[in-house]
Amino acid sequence: MASNSSFDVVSDFEWQELVNTIDQTQREIKARYDLKNTATEITLDKEGITIHTDSDFTLTAIHSILQTKAVKRQLSLKIFDYGTPEPASGNRVRQQIAFKRGIPSELAKKITKLIRDDFKKVQSAIQGDAVRVSAKSKDDLQQVMQRLKQEDWPVALQFTNYR
């Protein structure tokens, strides 16, 4: 049993959960009295979400609904990268919300340095937009996971391919 165990640190989200979140948000907008006649449109594509609505006030209310629904579906709010609201035609407001996926290289370097400094028996390597962590002991890997969860990272971290 001299083989190494490993896991990957990634920053991603479940696409279907996001689709369900958008669907629930649209349903609540249609049902809420204060948002009923705003003609709000929410469109989802692979790069992000686009919101068209009447005013900044309704945009703030939509953000609140979207964030509430995302948290209920176990989506981290760190996946949303809010653009600046811009005026659209017809005295309306448009906002782009991009998705944050993958670990940027600078952040991956910080993660590997933290692992290297705190855990001498654990190896870490950057692989694209993920970090592979490996060790002989699964207990060491569990400690690394706990240590990474303690930090407040600018992206949502998940641990996958644990073996």
C-alpha atoms as a PDB file:
ATOM      1  CA  MET A   1       0.000   0.000   0.000  1.00  0.00           C
ATOM      2  CA  ALA A   2       2.816   2.372  -0.907  1.00  0.00           C
ATOM      3  CA  SER A   3       0.766   4.131  -3.562  1.00  0.00           C
ATOM      4  CA  ASN A   4      -0.117   7.783  -3.274  1.00  0.00           C
ATOM      5  CA  SER A   5      -3.592   9.106  -2.690  1.00  0.00           C
ATOM      6  CA  SER A   6      -4.624  12.363  -4.313  1.00  0.00           C
ATOM      7  CA  PHE A   7      -7.366  14.874  -4.981  1.00  0.00           C
ATOM      8  CA  ASP A   8      -7.843  17.920  -7.192  1.00  0.00           C
ATOM      9  CA  VAL A   9      -8.638  21.437  -6.006  1.00  0.00           C
ATOM     10  CA  VAL A  10     -10.885  23.046  -8.617  1.00  0.00           C
ATOM     11  CA  SER A  11     -13.183  26.020  -8.943  1.00  0.00           C
ATOM     12  CA  ASP A  12     -16.317  25.026 -10.792  1.00  0.00           C
ATOM     13  CA  PHE A  13     -20.053  24.717 -10.287  1.00  0.00           C
ATOM     14  CA  GLU A  14     -22.869  22.373 -11.230  1.00  0.00           C
ATOM     15  CA  TRP A  15     -24.418  23.722 -14.448  1.00  0.00           C
ATOM     16  CA  GLN A  16     -27.826  22.118 -13.883  1.00  0.00           C
ATOM     17  CA  GLU A  17     -28.085  23.701 -10.444  1.00  0.00           C
ATOM     18  CA  LEU A  18     -27.421  27.094 -12.041  1.00  0.00           C
ATOM     19  CA  VAL A  19     -30.125  26.462 -14.659  1.00  0.00           C
ATOM     20  CA  ASN A  20     -32.550  25.553 -11.864  1.00  0.00           C
ATOM     21  CA  THR A  21     -31.552  28.683  -9.942  1.00  0.00           C
ATOM     22  CA  ILE A  22     -32.312  30.912 -12.945  1.00  0.00           C
ATOM     23  CA  ASP A  23     -35.636  29.127 -13.495  1.00  0.00           C
ATOM     24  CA  GLN A  24     -36.669  29.625  -9.861  1.00  0.00           C
ATOM     25  CA  THR A  25     -35.595  33.270  -9.999  1.00  0.00           C
ATOM     26  CA  GLN A  26     -37.737  33.880 -13.075  1.00  0.00           C
ATOM     27  CA  ARG A  27     -40.721  32.212 -11.416  1.00  0.00           C
ATOM     28  CA  GLU A  28     -40.405  34.363  -8.320  1.00  0.00           C
ATOM     29  CA  ILE A  29     -40.080  37.546 -10.407  1.00  0.00           C
ATOM     30  CA  LYS A  30     -43.337  36.683 -12.200  1.00  0.00           C
ATOM     31  CA  ALA A  31     -45.057  35.964  -8.880  1.00  0.00           C
ATOM     32  CA  ARG A  32     -43.880  38.971  -6.856  1.00  0.00           C
ATOM     33  CA  TYR A  33     -46.257  41.916  -6.915  1.00  0.00           C
ATOM     34  CA  ASP A  34     -43.529  44.583  -6.913  1.00  0.00           C
ATOM     35  CA  LEU A  35     -41.742  42.973  -9.903  1.00  0.00           C
ATOM     36  CA  LYS A  36     -44.741  41.770 -11.925  1.00  0.00           C
ATOM     37  CA  ASN A  37     -44.980  44.612 -14.469  1.00  0.00           C
ATOM     38  CA  THR A  38     -41.266  45.315 -14.853  1.00  0.00           C
ATOM     39  CA  ALA A  39     -40.895  43.148 -17.996  1.00  0.00           C
ATOM     40  CA  THR A  40     -37.689  41.705 -16.561  1.00  0.00           C
ATOM     41  CA  GLU A  41     -35.744  39.319 -18.777  1.00  0.00           C
ATOM     42  CA  ILE A  42     -33.038  36.989 -17.543  1.00  0.00           C
ATOM     43  CA  THR A  43     -31.041  35.115 -20.178  1.00  0.00           C
ATOM     44  CA  LEU A  44     -28.484  32.430 -19.458  1.00  0.00           C
ATOM     45  CA  ASP A  45     -25.687  31.346 -21.774  1.00  0.00           C
ATOM     46  CA  LYS A  46     -22.346  29.570 -21.339  1.00  0.00           C
ATOM     47  CA  GLU A  47     -20.463  32.791 -20.495  1.00  0.00           C
ATOM     48  CA  GLY A  48     -22.901  34.387 -18.083  1.00  0.00           C
ATOM     49  CA  ILE A  49     -26.278  35.829 -17.223  1.00  0.00           C
ATOM     50  CA  THR A  50     -27.814  38.954 -18.744  1.00  0.00           C
ATOM     51  CA  ILE A  51     -30.505  40.847 -16.845  1.00  0.00           C
ATOM     52  CA  HIS A  52     -32.756  43.450 -18.546  1.00  0.00           C
ATOM     53  CA  THR A  53     -35.085  45.312 -16.207  1.00  0.00           C
ATOM     54  CA  ASP A  54     -36.785  48.655 -15.526  1.00  0.00           C
ATOM     55  CA  SER A  55     -34.572  50.313 -12.920  1.00  0.00           C
ATOM     56  CA  ASP A  56     -31.671  49.962 -10.529  1.00  0.00           C
ATOM     57  CA  PHE A  57     -34.149  49.276  -7.732  1.00  0.00           C
ATOM     58  CA  THR A  58     -35.591  46.214  -9.483  1.00  0.00           C
ATOM     59  CA  LEU A  59     -32.065  45.115 -10.435  1.00  0.00           C
ATOM     60  CA  THR A  60     -31.132  45.101  -6.742  1.00  0.00           C
ATOM     61  CA  ALA A  61     -34.240  43.063  -5.924  1.00  0.00           C
ATOM     62  CA  ILE A  62     -33.368  40.565  -8.684  1.00  0.00           C
ATOM     63  CA  HIS A  63     -29.821  40.223  -7.314  1.00  0.00           C
ATOM     64  CA  SER A  64     -31.265  39.425  -3.915  1.00  0.00           C
ATOM     65  CA  ILE A  65     -33.594  36.766  -5.350  1.00  0.00           C
ATOM     66  CA  LEU A  66     -30.823  35.256  -7.493  1.00  0.00           C
ATOM     67  CA  GLN A  67     -28.416  35.042  -4.576  1.00  0.00           C
ATOM     68  CA  THR A  68     -31.039  33.508  -2.281  1.00  0.00           C
ATOM     69  CA  LYS A  69     -31.935  30.844  -4.847  1.00  0.00           C
ATOM     70  CA  ALA A  70     -28.252  30.096  -5.549  1.00  0.00           C
ATOM     71  CA  VAL A  71     -27.468  29.562  -1.869  1.00  0.00           C
ATOM     72  CA  LYS A  72     -30.462  27.246  -1.475  1.00  0.00           C
ATOM     73  CA  ARG A  73     -29.066  25.133  -4.316  1.00  0.00           C
ATOM     74  CA  GLN A  74     -25.585  24.969  -2.716  1.00  0.00           C
ATOM     75  CA  LEU A  75     -24.008  27.281  -5.299  1.00  0.00           C
ATOM     76  CA  SER A  76     -21.334  29.611  -3.991  1.00  0.00           C
ATOM     77  CA  LEU A  77     -21.930  33.322  -4.545  1.00  0.00           C
ATOM     78  CA  LYS A  78     -18.261  33.601  -5.538  1.00  0.00           C
ATOM     79  CA  ILE A  79     -19.061  32.135  -8.970  1.00  0.00           C
ATOM     80  CA  PHE A  80     -20.819  35.374  -9.980  1.00  0.00           C
ATOM     81  CA  ASP A  81     -18.754  38.258 -11.376  1.00  0.00           C
ATOM     82  CA  TYR A  82     -21.118  41.225 -11.560  1.00  0.00           C
ATOM     83  CA  GLY A  83     -20.517  43.725 -14.317  1.00  0.00           C
ATOM     84  CA  THR A  84     -21.499  47.357 -14.025  1.00  0.00           C
ATOM     85  CA  PRO A  85     -25.156  48.130 -14.781  1.00  0.00           C
ATOM     86  CA  GLU A  86     -25.504  50.035 -18.032  1.00  0.00           C
ATOM     87  CA  PRO A  87     -28.417  51.919 -19.560  1.00  0.00           C
ATOM     88  CA  ALA A  88     -30.309  50.080 -22.286  1.00  0.00           C
ATOM     89  CA  SER A  89     -32.903  51.247 -24.784  1.00  0.00           C
ATOM     90  CA  GLY A  90     -36.277  52.400 -23.490  1.00  0.00           C
ATOM     91  CA  ASN A  91     -35.027  53.751 -20.137  1.00  0.00           C
ATOM     92  CA  ARG A  92     -34.124  50.247 -19.020  1.00  0.00           C
ATOM     93  CA  VAL A  93     -31.078  48.787 -17.273  1.00  0.00           C
ATOM     94  CA  ARG A  94     -28.897  45.899 -18.444  1.00  0.00           C
ATOM     95  CA  GLN A  95     -26.294  43.999 -16.466  1.00  0.00           C
ATOM     96  CA  GLN A  96     -23.951  41.186 -17.376  1.00  0.00           C
ATOM     97  CA  ILE A  97     -22.989  38.632 -14.742  1.00  0.00           C
ATOM     98  CA  ALA A  98     -20.031  36.507 -15.825  1.00  0.00           C
ATOM     99  CA  PHE A  99     -19.085  33.160 -14.285  1.00  0.00           C
ATOM    100  CA  LYS A 100     -15.820  32.526 -12.479  1.00  0.00           C
ATOM    101  CA  ARG A 101     -14.507  29.090 -13.374  1.00  0.00           C
ATOM    102  CA  GLY A 102     -11.074  27.648 -12.847  1.00  0.00           C
ATOM    103  CA  ILE A 103      -8.302  28.701 -10.519  1.00  0.00           C
ATOM    104  CA  PRO A 104      -6.190  31.589 -11.861  1.00  0.00           C
ATOM    105  CA  SER A 105      -2.454  30.854 -12.016  1.00  0.00           C
ATOM    106  CA  GLU A 106      -1.547  33.391  -9.305  1.00  0.00           C
ATOM    107  CA  LEU A 107      -4.071  31.845  -6.912  1.00  0.00           C
ATOM    108  CA  ALA A 108      -2.873  28.339  -7.796  1.00  0.00           C
ATOM    109  CA  LYS A 109       0.673  29.421  -6.885  1.00  0.00           C
ATOM    110  CA  LYS A 110      -0.570  30.722  -3.507  1.00  0.00           C
ATOM    111  CA  ILE A 111      -2.400  27.440  -2.842  1.00  0.00           C
ATOM    112  CA  THR A 112       0.628  25.302  -3.693  1.00  0.00           C
ATOM    113  CA  LYS A 113       2.885  27.533  -1.568  1.00  0.00           C
ATOM    114  CA  LEU A 114       0.507  27.247   1.410  1.00  0.00           C
ATOM    115  CA  ILE A 115       0.449  23.458   1.054  1.00  0.00           C
ATOM    116  CA  ARG A 116       4.244  23.292   0.682  1.00  0.00           C
ATOM    117  CA  ASP A 117       4.818  25.482   3.767  1.00  0.00           C
ATOM    118  CA  ASP A 118       2.263  23.837   6.086  1.00  0.00           C
ATOM    119  CA  PHE A 119       2.488  20.172   5.038  1.00  0.00           C
ATOM    120  CA  LYS A 120       5.927  18.662   4.460  1.00  0.00           C
ATOM    121  CA  LYS A 121       4.695  15.188   3.455  1.00  0.00           C
ATOM    122  CA  VAL A 122       2.261  16.451   0.817  1.00  0.00           C
ATOM    123  CA  GLN A 123       3.029  17.289  -2.809  1.00  0.00           C
ATOM    124  CA  SER A 124       1.051  19.742  -4.887  1.00  0.00           C
ATOM    125  CA  ALA A 125       1.220  20.545  -8.575  1.00  0.00           C
ATOM    126  CA  ILE A 126      -0.583  23.016 -10.811  1.00  0.00           C
ATOM    127  CA  GLN A 127      -2.405  21.294 -13.681  1.00  0.00           C
ATOM    128  CA  GLY A 128      -4.081  23.843 -15.928  1.00  0.00           C
ATOM    129  CA  ASP A 129      -6.786  25.559 -13.890  1.00  0.00           C
ATOM    130  CA  ALA A 130      -6.677  22.977 -11.070  1.00  0.00           C
ATOM    131  CA  VAL A 131      -4.227  21.951  -8.364  1.00  0.00           C
ATOM    132  CA  ARG A 132      -3.406  18.250  -7.817  1.00  0.00           C
ATOM    133  CA  VAL A 133      -2.554  17.375  -4.218  1.00  0.00           C
ATOM    134  CA  SER A 134      -1.051  13.984  -3.406  1.00  0.00           C
ATOM    135  CA  ALA A 135       0.354  12.219  -0.348  1.00  0.00           C
ATOM    136  CA  LYS A 136       0.915   8.711   0.969  1.00  0.00           C
ATOM    137  CA  SER A 137      -1.498   9.222   3.854  1.00  0.00           C
ATOM    138  CA  LYS A 138      -5.175  10.001   3.356  1.00  0.00           C
ATOM    139  CA  ASP A 139      -5.134  11.662   6.770  1.00  0.00           C
ATOM    140  CA  ASP A 140      -2.647  14.231   5.441  1.00  0.00           C
ATOM    141  CA  LEU A 141      -4.974  14.926   2.511  1.00  0.00           C
ATOM    142  CA  GLN A 142      -7.884  15.429   4.898  1.00  0.00           C
ATOM    143  CA  GLN A 143      -5.798  17.936   6.852  1.00  0.00           C
ATOM    144  CA  VAL A 144      -4.953  19.809   3.646  1.00  0.00           C
ATOM    145  CA  MET A 145      -8.664  20.000   2.762  1.00  0.00           C
ATOM    146  CA  GLN A 146      -9.485  21.361   6.224  1.00  0.00           C
ATOM    147  CA  ARG A 147      -6.674  23.922   5.970  1.00  0.00           C
ATOM    148  CA  LEU A 148      -7.823  25.113   2.525  1.00  0.00           C
ATOM    149  CA  LYS A 149     -11.421  25.442   3.771  1.00  0.00           C
ATOM    150  CA  GLN A 150     -10.243  27.747   6.569  1.00  0.00           C
ATOM    151  CA  GLU A 151      -8.928  30.366   4.148  1.00  0.00           C
ATOM    152  CA  ASP A 152     -11.170  32.906   2.425  1.00  0.00           C
ATOM    153  CA  TRP A 153     -10.301  32.478  -1.250  1.00  0.00           C
ATOM    154  CA  PRO A 154     -11.614  34.823  -3.981  1.00  0.00           C
ATOM    155  CA  VAL A 155     -13.059  31.824  -5.846  1.00  0.00           C
ATOM    156  CA  ALA A 156     -15.176  28.894  -4.702  1.00  0.00           C
ATOM    157  CA  LEU A 157     -13.009  25.804  -4.156  1.00  0.00           C
ATOM    158  CA  GLN A 158     -14.168  22.212  -4.548  1.00  0.00           C
ATOM    159  CA  PHE A 159     -12.269  18.989  -3.993  1.00  0.00           C
ATOM    160  CA  THR A 160     -12.709  16.348  -6.687  1.00  0.00           C
ATOM    161  CA  ASN A 161     -11.156  13.038  -7.811  1.00  0.00           C
ATOM    162  CA  TYR A 162     -10.379  11.959  -4.274  1.00  0.00           C
ATOM    163  CA  ARG A 163      -8.661   8.572  -4.464  1.00  0.00           C
END
